[in-house]
N, C-alpha and C. Protein backbone atom coordinates (compact mmCIF):
# COMPACT_ATOMS: atom_id res chain seq x y z
N UNK A 1 40.52 88.83 -81.88
CA UNK A 1 39.34 89.30 -82.54
C UNK A 1 38.72 88.18 -83.37
N UNK A 2 39.51 87.39 -84.06
CA UNK A 2 38.98 86.32 -84.91
C UNK A 2 38.35 85.21 -84.09
N UNK A 3 38.81 85.02 -82.87
CA UNK A 3 38.29 83.94 -82.03
C UNK A 3 37.15 84.38 -81.14
N UNK A 4 36.77 85.64 -81.19
CA UNK A 4 35.71 86.11 -80.30
C UNK A 4 34.35 85.59 -80.78
N UNK A 5 33.50 85.36 -79.82
CA UNK A 5 32.14 84.92 -80.10
C UNK A 5 31.18 85.96 -79.56
N UNK A 6 30.15 86.27 -80.32
CA UNK A 6 29.19 87.25 -79.84
C UNK A 6 28.36 86.66 -78.72
N UNK A 7 28.06 87.46 -77.75
CA UNK A 7 27.26 87.04 -76.61
C UNK A 7 25.87 87.64 -76.73
N UNK A 8 24.84 86.91 -76.33
CA UNK A 8 23.50 87.49 -76.38
C UNK A 8 23.38 88.65 -75.39
N UNK A 9 22.51 89.60 -75.71
CA UNK A 9 22.29 90.73 -74.83
C UNK A 9 21.77 90.28 -73.48
N UNK A 10 20.92 89.25 -73.46
CA UNK A 10 20.35 88.73 -72.22
C UNK A 10 20.61 87.23 -72.19
N UNK A 11 21.68 86.80 -71.53
CA UNK A 11 22.04 85.38 -71.55
C UNK A 11 21.01 84.47 -70.92
N UNK A 12 20.07 85.01 -70.13
CA UNK A 12 19.05 84.16 -69.51
C UNK A 12 17.78 84.09 -70.34
N UNK A 13 17.72 84.88 -71.42
CA UNK A 13 16.52 84.89 -72.26
C UNK A 13 16.37 83.56 -72.98
N UNK A 14 15.17 83.12 -73.10
CA UNK A 14 14.87 81.88 -73.79
C UNK A 14 14.90 82.09 -75.30
N UNK A 15 15.55 81.19 -76.01
CA UNK A 15 15.60 81.27 -77.47
C UNK A 15 14.42 80.46 -78.00
N UNK A 16 13.55 81.08 -78.82
CA UNK A 16 12.41 80.34 -79.36
C UNK A 16 12.88 79.12 -80.15
N UNK A 17 12.14 78.04 -80.02
CA UNK A 17 12.48 76.84 -80.77
C UNK A 17 11.21 76.22 -81.35
N UNK A 18 11.39 75.13 -82.05
CA UNK A 18 10.26 74.41 -82.64
C UNK A 18 10.04 73.15 -81.84
N UNK A 19 8.81 72.98 -81.35
CA UNK A 19 8.42 71.77 -80.63
C UNK A 19 7.44 71.04 -81.54
N UNK A 20 7.73 69.79 -81.85
CA UNK A 20 6.87 69.01 -82.72
C UNK A 20 6.09 67.99 -81.92
N UNK A 21 4.79 67.94 -82.16
CA UNK A 21 3.90 66.95 -81.54
C UNK A 21 3.37 66.09 -82.69
N UNK A 22 3.58 64.79 -82.59
CA UNK A 22 3.19 63.87 -83.65
C UNK A 22 2.07 62.97 -83.17
N UNK A 23 1.04 62.84 -84.00
CA UNK A 23 -0.11 62.00 -83.71
C UNK A 23 -0.08 60.85 -84.71
N UNK A 24 -0.11 59.60 -84.19
CA UNK A 24 -0.03 58.43 -85.05
C UNK A 24 -1.16 57.47 -84.69
N UNK A 25 -1.91 57.05 -85.69
CA UNK A 25 -2.94 56.02 -85.52
C UNK A 25 -3.04 55.26 -86.83
N UNK A 26 -3.49 54.02 -86.75
CA UNK A 26 -3.63 53.21 -87.94
C UNK A 26 -5.06 52.75 -88.12
N UNK A 27 -5.37 52.28 -89.30
CA UNK A 27 -6.70 51.74 -89.56
C UNK A 27 -6.99 50.58 -88.62
N UNK A 28 -5.98 49.75 -88.37
CA UNK A 28 -6.16 48.59 -87.49
C UNK A 28 -6.38 49.00 -86.04
N UNK A 29 -5.70 50.06 -85.59
CA UNK A 29 -5.83 50.55 -84.21
C UNK A 29 -6.05 52.06 -84.26
N UNK A 30 -7.31 52.49 -84.51
CA UNK A 30 -7.56 53.93 -84.66
C UNK A 30 -7.51 54.72 -83.36
N UNK A 31 -7.72 54.06 -82.23
CA UNK A 31 -7.66 54.77 -80.96
C UNK A 31 -7.19 53.84 -79.87
N UNK A 32 -6.53 54.34 -78.86
CA UNK A 32 -6.03 55.71 -78.80
C UNK A 32 -4.84 55.87 -79.73
N UNK A 33 -4.58 57.09 -80.14
CA UNK A 33 -3.40 57.30 -80.99
C UNK A 33 -2.15 57.27 -80.13
N UNK A 34 -1.02 57.21 -80.77
CA UNK A 34 0.25 57.39 -80.07
C UNK A 34 0.62 58.86 -80.29
N UNK A 35 0.78 59.59 -79.20
CA UNK A 35 1.16 61.00 -79.27
C UNK A 35 2.56 61.12 -78.68
N UNK A 36 3.47 61.72 -79.43
CA UNK A 36 4.83 61.96 -78.96
C UNK A 36 5.17 63.42 -79.21
N UNK A 37 6.12 63.93 -78.42
CA UNK A 37 6.61 65.27 -78.72
C UNK A 37 8.12 65.25 -78.79
N UNK A 38 8.68 66.30 -79.33
CA UNK A 38 10.13 66.35 -79.53
C UNK A 38 10.90 66.50 -78.22
N UNK A 39 10.19 66.62 -77.11
CA UNK A 39 10.83 66.66 -75.79
C UNK A 39 10.98 65.26 -75.20
N UNK A 40 10.45 64.25 -75.90
CA UNK A 40 10.57 62.87 -75.42
C UNK A 40 9.35 62.36 -74.67
N UNK A 41 8.29 63.16 -74.56
CA UNK A 41 7.06 62.69 -73.90
C UNK A 41 6.28 61.80 -74.85
N UNK A 42 5.58 60.82 -74.29
CA UNK A 42 4.82 59.89 -75.12
C UNK A 42 3.57 59.44 -74.38
N UNK A 43 2.47 59.39 -75.12
CA UNK A 43 1.23 58.85 -74.58
C UNK A 43 0.73 57.78 -75.52
N UNK A 44 0.42 56.61 -74.98
CA UNK A 44 -0.04 55.51 -75.82
C UNK A 44 -1.40 54.97 -75.37
N UNK A 45 -1.97 55.61 -74.36
CA UNK A 45 -3.30 55.23 -73.88
C UNK A 45 -4.11 56.50 -73.74
N UNK A 46 -5.42 56.38 -73.62
CA UNK A 46 -6.26 57.57 -73.45
C UNK A 46 -5.82 58.35 -72.21
N UNK A 47 -5.62 57.65 -71.09
CA UNK A 47 -5.18 58.32 -69.86
C UNK A 47 -3.78 58.92 -70.04
N UNK A 48 -2.89 58.20 -70.73
CA UNK A 48 -1.54 58.69 -70.97
C UNK A 48 -1.53 59.93 -71.85
N UNK A 49 -2.39 59.94 -72.87
CA UNK A 49 -2.48 61.11 -73.75
C UNK A 49 -3.03 62.31 -72.98
N UNK A 50 -4.01 62.08 -72.11
CA UNK A 50 -4.59 63.17 -71.34
C UNK A 50 -3.61 63.71 -70.30
N UNK A 51 -2.66 62.87 -69.85
CA UNK A 51 -1.67 63.30 -68.88
C UNK A 51 -0.43 63.90 -69.55
N UNK A 52 -0.34 63.78 -70.88
CA UNK A 52 0.82 64.27 -71.60
C UNK A 52 0.85 65.79 -71.59
N UNK A 53 1.94 66.34 -71.08
CA UNK A 53 2.12 67.78 -71.06
C UNK A 53 3.37 68.11 -71.86
N UNK A 54 3.22 68.95 -72.87
CA UNK A 54 4.35 69.46 -73.64
C UNK A 54 4.68 70.83 -73.08
N UNK A 55 5.96 71.05 -72.80
CA UNK A 55 6.39 72.33 -72.24
C UNK A 55 6.93 73.23 -73.33
N UNK A 56 6.64 74.52 -73.23
CA UNK A 56 7.06 75.49 -74.23
C UNK A 56 7.40 76.81 -73.56
N UNK A 57 8.02 77.67 -74.33
CA UNK A 57 8.39 79.01 -73.87
C UNK A 57 7.81 80.06 -74.81
N UNK A 58 7.81 81.30 -74.35
CA UNK A 58 7.33 82.40 -75.19
C UNK A 58 8.03 82.37 -76.54
N UNK A 59 7.25 82.58 -77.61
CA UNK A 59 7.81 82.65 -78.95
C UNK A 59 8.06 81.32 -79.62
N UNK A 60 7.94 80.22 -78.88
CA UNK A 60 8.17 78.90 -79.48
C UNK A 60 7.12 78.60 -80.54
N UNK A 61 7.51 77.83 -81.52
CA UNK A 61 6.59 77.33 -82.54
C UNK A 61 6.20 75.90 -82.16
N UNK A 62 4.91 75.65 -82.09
CA UNK A 62 4.41 74.30 -81.84
C UNK A 62 3.86 73.80 -83.17
N UNK A 63 4.32 72.63 -83.58
CA UNK A 63 3.88 72.04 -84.85
C UNK A 63 3.31 70.66 -84.57
N UNK A 64 2.08 70.45 -85.03
CA UNK A 64 1.43 69.15 -84.92
C UNK A 64 1.50 68.46 -86.28
N UNK A 65 2.01 67.24 -86.31
CA UNK A 65 2.09 66.44 -87.53
C UNK A 65 1.29 65.16 -87.35
N UNK A 66 0.80 64.62 -88.45
CA UNK A 66 0.09 63.35 -88.41
C UNK A 66 0.91 62.30 -89.14
N UNK A 67 0.82 61.04 -88.68
CA UNK A 67 1.48 59.94 -89.35
C UNK A 67 0.55 58.73 -89.34
N UNK A 68 1.02 57.64 -89.90
CA UNK A 68 0.19 56.44 -89.96
C UNK A 68 -0.93 56.64 -90.96
N UNK A 69 -2.13 56.20 -90.57
CA UNK A 69 -3.30 56.27 -91.46
C UNK A 69 -4.21 57.46 -91.15
N UNK A 70 -3.71 58.45 -90.42
CA UNK A 70 -4.50 59.63 -90.12
C UNK A 70 -4.60 60.48 -91.39
N UNK A 71 -5.82 60.84 -91.76
CA UNK A 71 -6.03 61.62 -92.98
C UNK A 71 -6.12 63.12 -92.72
N UNK A 72 -6.47 63.53 -91.51
CA UNK A 72 -6.58 64.95 -91.19
C UNK A 72 -6.55 65.14 -89.68
N UNK A 73 -6.09 66.32 -89.25
CA UNK A 73 -6.12 66.68 -87.84
C UNK A 73 -6.67 68.09 -87.69
N UNK A 74 -7.19 68.37 -86.51
CA UNK A 74 -7.68 69.70 -86.16
C UNK A 74 -7.33 69.94 -84.70
N UNK A 75 -6.81 71.11 -84.39
CA UNK A 75 -6.42 71.47 -83.03
C UNK A 75 -7.37 72.56 -82.54
N UNK A 76 -7.91 72.36 -81.32
CA UNK A 76 -8.80 73.39 -80.76
C UNK A 76 -8.63 73.45 -79.25
N UNK A 77 -8.69 74.68 -78.70
CA UNK A 77 -8.56 74.89 -77.27
C UNK A 77 -9.84 74.42 -76.58
N UNK A 78 -9.67 73.75 -75.43
CA UNK A 78 -10.83 73.29 -74.68
C UNK A 78 -10.84 73.78 -73.25
N UNK A 79 -9.74 74.37 -72.78
CA UNK A 79 -9.73 74.86 -71.41
C UNK A 79 -8.41 75.53 -71.08
N UNK A 80 -8.36 76.15 -69.92
CA UNK A 80 -7.16 76.84 -69.50
C UNK A 80 -7.00 78.16 -70.23
N UNK A 81 -5.76 78.61 -70.33
CA UNK A 81 -5.42 79.90 -70.93
C UNK A 81 -5.04 79.69 -72.39
N UNK A 82 -5.49 80.56 -73.28
CA UNK A 82 -5.06 80.50 -74.67
C UNK A 82 -3.60 80.95 -74.72
N UNK A 83 -2.69 80.03 -75.01
CA UNK A 83 -1.26 80.33 -75.01
C UNK A 83 -0.75 80.86 -76.35
N UNK A 84 -1.59 80.83 -77.36
CA UNK A 84 -1.12 81.10 -78.71
C UNK A 84 -1.44 82.52 -79.19
N UNK A 85 -0.46 83.13 -79.86
CA UNK A 85 -0.74 84.38 -80.56
C UNK A 85 -1.26 84.06 -81.96
N UNK A 86 -0.94 82.86 -82.45
CA UNK A 86 -1.44 82.41 -83.75
C UNK A 86 -1.53 80.88 -83.73
N UNK A 87 -2.62 80.33 -84.29
CA UNK A 87 -2.80 78.89 -84.40
C UNK A 87 -3.58 78.64 -85.68
N UNK A 88 -2.93 78.00 -86.65
CA UNK A 88 -3.54 77.81 -87.96
C UNK A 88 -3.19 76.45 -88.55
N UNK A 89 -4.04 75.97 -89.46
CA UNK A 89 -3.64 74.77 -90.20
C UNK A 89 -2.39 75.11 -91.00
N UNK A 90 -1.44 74.17 -91.02
CA UNK A 90 -0.19 74.43 -91.72
C UNK A 90 -0.19 74.01 -93.16
N UNK A 91 -0.61 72.78 -93.43
CA UNK A 91 -0.61 72.30 -94.81
C UNK A 91 -1.87 71.50 -95.06
N UNK A 92 -2.25 71.44 -96.29
CA UNK A 92 -3.45 70.70 -96.71
C UNK A 92 -3.07 69.77 -97.84
N UNK A 93 -3.63 68.54 -97.79
CA UNK A 93 -3.39 67.64 -98.92
C UNK A 93 -4.54 66.67 -99.13
N UNK A 94 -5.78 67.01 -99.35
CA UNK A 94 -6.38 68.34 -99.33
C UNK A 94 -6.87 68.74 -97.94
N UNK A 95 -6.77 67.84 -96.95
CA UNK A 95 -7.23 68.13 -95.59
C UNK A 95 -6.05 68.56 -94.74
N UNK A 96 -6.30 69.20 -93.57
CA UNK A 96 -5.19 69.65 -92.72
C UNK A 96 -4.29 68.48 -92.30
N UNK A 97 -3.05 68.52 -92.74
CA UNK A 97 -2.07 67.50 -92.40
C UNK A 97 -1.21 67.94 -91.23
N UNK A 98 -1.07 69.25 -91.06
CA UNK A 98 -0.30 69.80 -89.95
C UNK A 98 -1.04 71.02 -89.41
N UNK A 99 -0.70 71.38 -88.19
CA UNK A 99 -1.14 72.65 -87.60
C UNK A 99 0.09 73.31 -87.02
N UNK A 100 0.11 74.63 -86.99
CA UNK A 100 1.24 75.38 -86.46
C UNK A 100 0.72 76.48 -85.55
N UNK A 101 1.33 76.58 -84.37
CA UNK A 101 0.97 77.64 -83.43
C UNK A 101 2.22 78.33 -82.91
N UNK A 102 2.10 79.62 -82.62
CA UNK A 102 3.18 80.40 -82.03
C UNK A 102 2.76 80.78 -80.61
N UNK A 103 3.59 80.43 -79.64
CA UNK A 103 3.30 80.77 -78.25
C UNK A 103 3.42 82.29 -78.08
N UNK A 104 2.41 82.88 -77.46
CA UNK A 104 2.35 84.32 -77.26
C UNK A 104 3.48 84.81 -76.35
N UNK A 105 3.92 86.05 -76.57
CA UNK A 105 4.90 86.68 -75.69
C UNK A 105 4.26 87.14 -74.38
N UNK A 106 2.93 87.13 -74.30
CA UNK A 106 2.23 87.62 -73.12
C UNK A 106 1.96 86.54 -72.07
N UNK A 107 2.35 85.30 -72.33
CA UNK A 107 2.07 84.23 -71.36
C UNK A 107 3.00 84.33 -70.16
N UNK A 108 2.59 83.70 -69.06
CA UNK A 108 3.41 83.70 -67.85
C UNK A 108 3.77 82.26 -67.48
N UNK A 109 4.88 82.08 -66.75
CA UNK A 109 5.32 80.75 -66.37
C UNK A 109 4.22 79.95 -65.66
N UNK A 110 4.10 78.70 -66.04
CA UNK A 110 3.14 77.80 -65.42
C UNK A 110 1.76 77.82 -66.04
N UNK A 111 1.46 78.81 -66.88
CA UNK A 111 0.14 78.82 -67.53
C UNK A 111 0.00 77.58 -68.40
N UNK A 112 -1.24 77.08 -68.45
CA UNK A 112 -1.49 75.83 -69.16
C UNK A 112 -2.72 75.94 -70.04
N UNK A 113 -2.65 75.30 -71.20
CA UNK A 113 -3.78 75.23 -72.11
C UNK A 113 -4.14 73.77 -72.31
N UNK A 114 -5.41 73.49 -72.14
CA UNK A 114 -5.94 72.18 -72.48
C UNK A 114 -6.46 72.29 -73.90
N UNK A 115 -6.15 71.31 -74.72
CA UNK A 115 -6.61 71.37 -76.10
C UNK A 115 -7.00 69.97 -76.57
N UNK A 116 -7.72 69.92 -77.64
CA UNK A 116 -8.16 68.66 -78.21
C UNK A 116 -7.56 68.52 -79.60
N UNK A 117 -7.09 67.32 -79.87
CA UNK A 117 -6.68 66.95 -81.22
C UNK A 117 -7.80 66.09 -81.78
N UNK A 118 -8.51 66.61 -82.77
CA UNK A 118 -9.49 65.81 -83.49
C UNK A 118 -8.74 65.21 -84.68
N UNK A 119 -8.94 63.92 -84.91
CA UNK A 119 -8.26 63.30 -86.04
C UNK A 119 -9.16 62.27 -86.71
N UNK A 120 -8.90 62.04 -87.96
CA UNK A 120 -9.68 61.12 -88.78
C UNK A 120 -8.73 60.07 -89.34
N UNK A 121 -9.15 58.79 -89.28
CA UNK A 121 -8.31 57.68 -89.72
C UNK A 121 -8.89 57.06 -90.98
N UNK A 122 -8.01 56.84 -91.95
CA UNK A 122 -8.40 56.22 -93.22
C UNK A 122 -9.15 54.91 -92.98
N UNK A 123 -10.27 54.75 -93.69
CA UNK A 123 -11.04 53.51 -93.60
C UNK A 123 -11.99 53.44 -92.42
N UNK A 124 -11.96 54.41 -91.53
CA UNK A 124 -12.85 54.43 -90.38
C UNK A 124 -14.02 55.35 -90.72
N UNK A 125 -15.18 54.76 -91.04
CA UNK A 125 -16.32 55.58 -91.38
C UNK A 125 -17.62 54.84 -91.08
N UNK A 126 -18.65 55.61 -90.97
CA UNK A 126 -20.00 55.10 -90.81
C UNK A 126 -20.81 55.62 -91.97
N UNK A 127 -21.25 54.73 -92.84
CA UNK A 127 -22.03 55.14 -93.99
C UNK A 127 -21.27 56.06 -94.92
N UNK A 128 -19.97 55.86 -95.03
CA UNK A 128 -19.16 56.69 -95.92
C UNK A 128 -18.68 57.98 -95.31
N UNK A 129 -19.13 58.32 -94.09
CA UNK A 129 -18.71 59.55 -93.42
C UNK A 129 -17.57 59.22 -92.45
N UNK A 130 -16.43 59.95 -92.54
CA UNK A 130 -15.31 59.67 -91.64
C UNK A 130 -15.70 59.83 -90.17
N UNK A 131 -15.14 58.97 -89.33
CA UNK A 131 -15.37 59.04 -87.89
C UNK A 131 -14.29 59.92 -87.27
N UNK A 132 -14.71 60.86 -86.44
CA UNK A 132 -13.78 61.74 -85.73
C UNK A 132 -13.40 61.09 -84.41
N UNK A 133 -12.09 61.00 -84.16
CA UNK A 133 -11.56 60.57 -82.88
C UNK A 133 -10.91 61.78 -82.22
N UNK A 134 -10.82 61.79 -80.89
CA UNK A 134 -10.25 62.95 -80.19
C UNK A 134 -9.37 62.51 -79.03
N UNK A 135 -8.34 63.29 -78.76
CA UNK A 135 -7.49 63.13 -77.59
C UNK A 135 -7.23 64.51 -77.00
N UNK A 136 -6.89 64.55 -75.72
CA UNK A 136 -6.83 65.82 -75.00
C UNK A 136 -5.54 66.04 -74.21
N UNK A 137 -4.41 66.24 -74.88
CA UNK A 137 -3.18 66.57 -74.14
C UNK A 137 -3.15 68.03 -73.73
N UNK A 138 -2.04 68.48 -73.14
CA UNK A 138 -1.92 69.86 -72.65
C UNK A 138 -0.57 70.46 -73.04
N UNK A 139 -0.53 71.77 -73.05
CA UNK A 139 0.72 72.52 -73.23
C UNK A 139 0.85 73.44 -72.04
N UNK A 140 2.07 73.52 -71.49
CA UNK A 140 2.31 74.37 -70.32
C UNK A 140 3.55 75.22 -70.57
N UNK A 141 3.50 76.46 -70.11
CA UNK A 141 4.65 77.34 -70.21
C UNK A 141 5.65 76.92 -69.14
N UNK A 142 6.90 76.77 -69.56
CA UNK A 142 7.94 76.32 -68.64
C UNK A 142 7.99 77.21 -67.41
N UNK A 143 8.04 76.60 -66.24
CA UNK A 143 8.05 77.40 -64.99
C UNK A 143 9.21 78.38 -64.91
N UNK A 144 10.37 78.07 -65.48
CA UNK A 144 11.52 78.96 -65.40
C UNK A 144 11.51 80.05 -66.45
N UNK A 145 10.47 80.06 -67.33
CA UNK A 145 10.37 81.07 -68.37
C UNK A 145 10.14 82.43 -67.70
N UNK A 146 11.00 83.40 -67.99
CA UNK A 146 10.89 84.71 -67.34
C UNK A 146 10.57 85.78 -68.34
């Protein structure tokens, strides 16, 4: 009895996890940014960022973080299926430093969302107004998600 381990009711069910997507750009090199995710994917060119696909499952939390000289980020859907039941700015200092989304339980395997990361880099401005840069990676529901 002391050595027993509880077993999940459905051993094939996916356990929700946190997937982190990090956007990094500097004042010296504002574009393209370096985009990485906690799955080991990385994009360092505009084409590479556009080809970057982060895989997720129902209920997963997707968190976007900024690093380097990025002062703010904004996440918005641009195509495909809306995979999120919730997508909101996570923290402000005073601008959005992170965004957090929860993958909907209603998605199906293989569905994909195209989205844009708008970001602003410290010191990059025209007439005192920050310049917006954008990249367009994708999120896809894992094909084996049932």
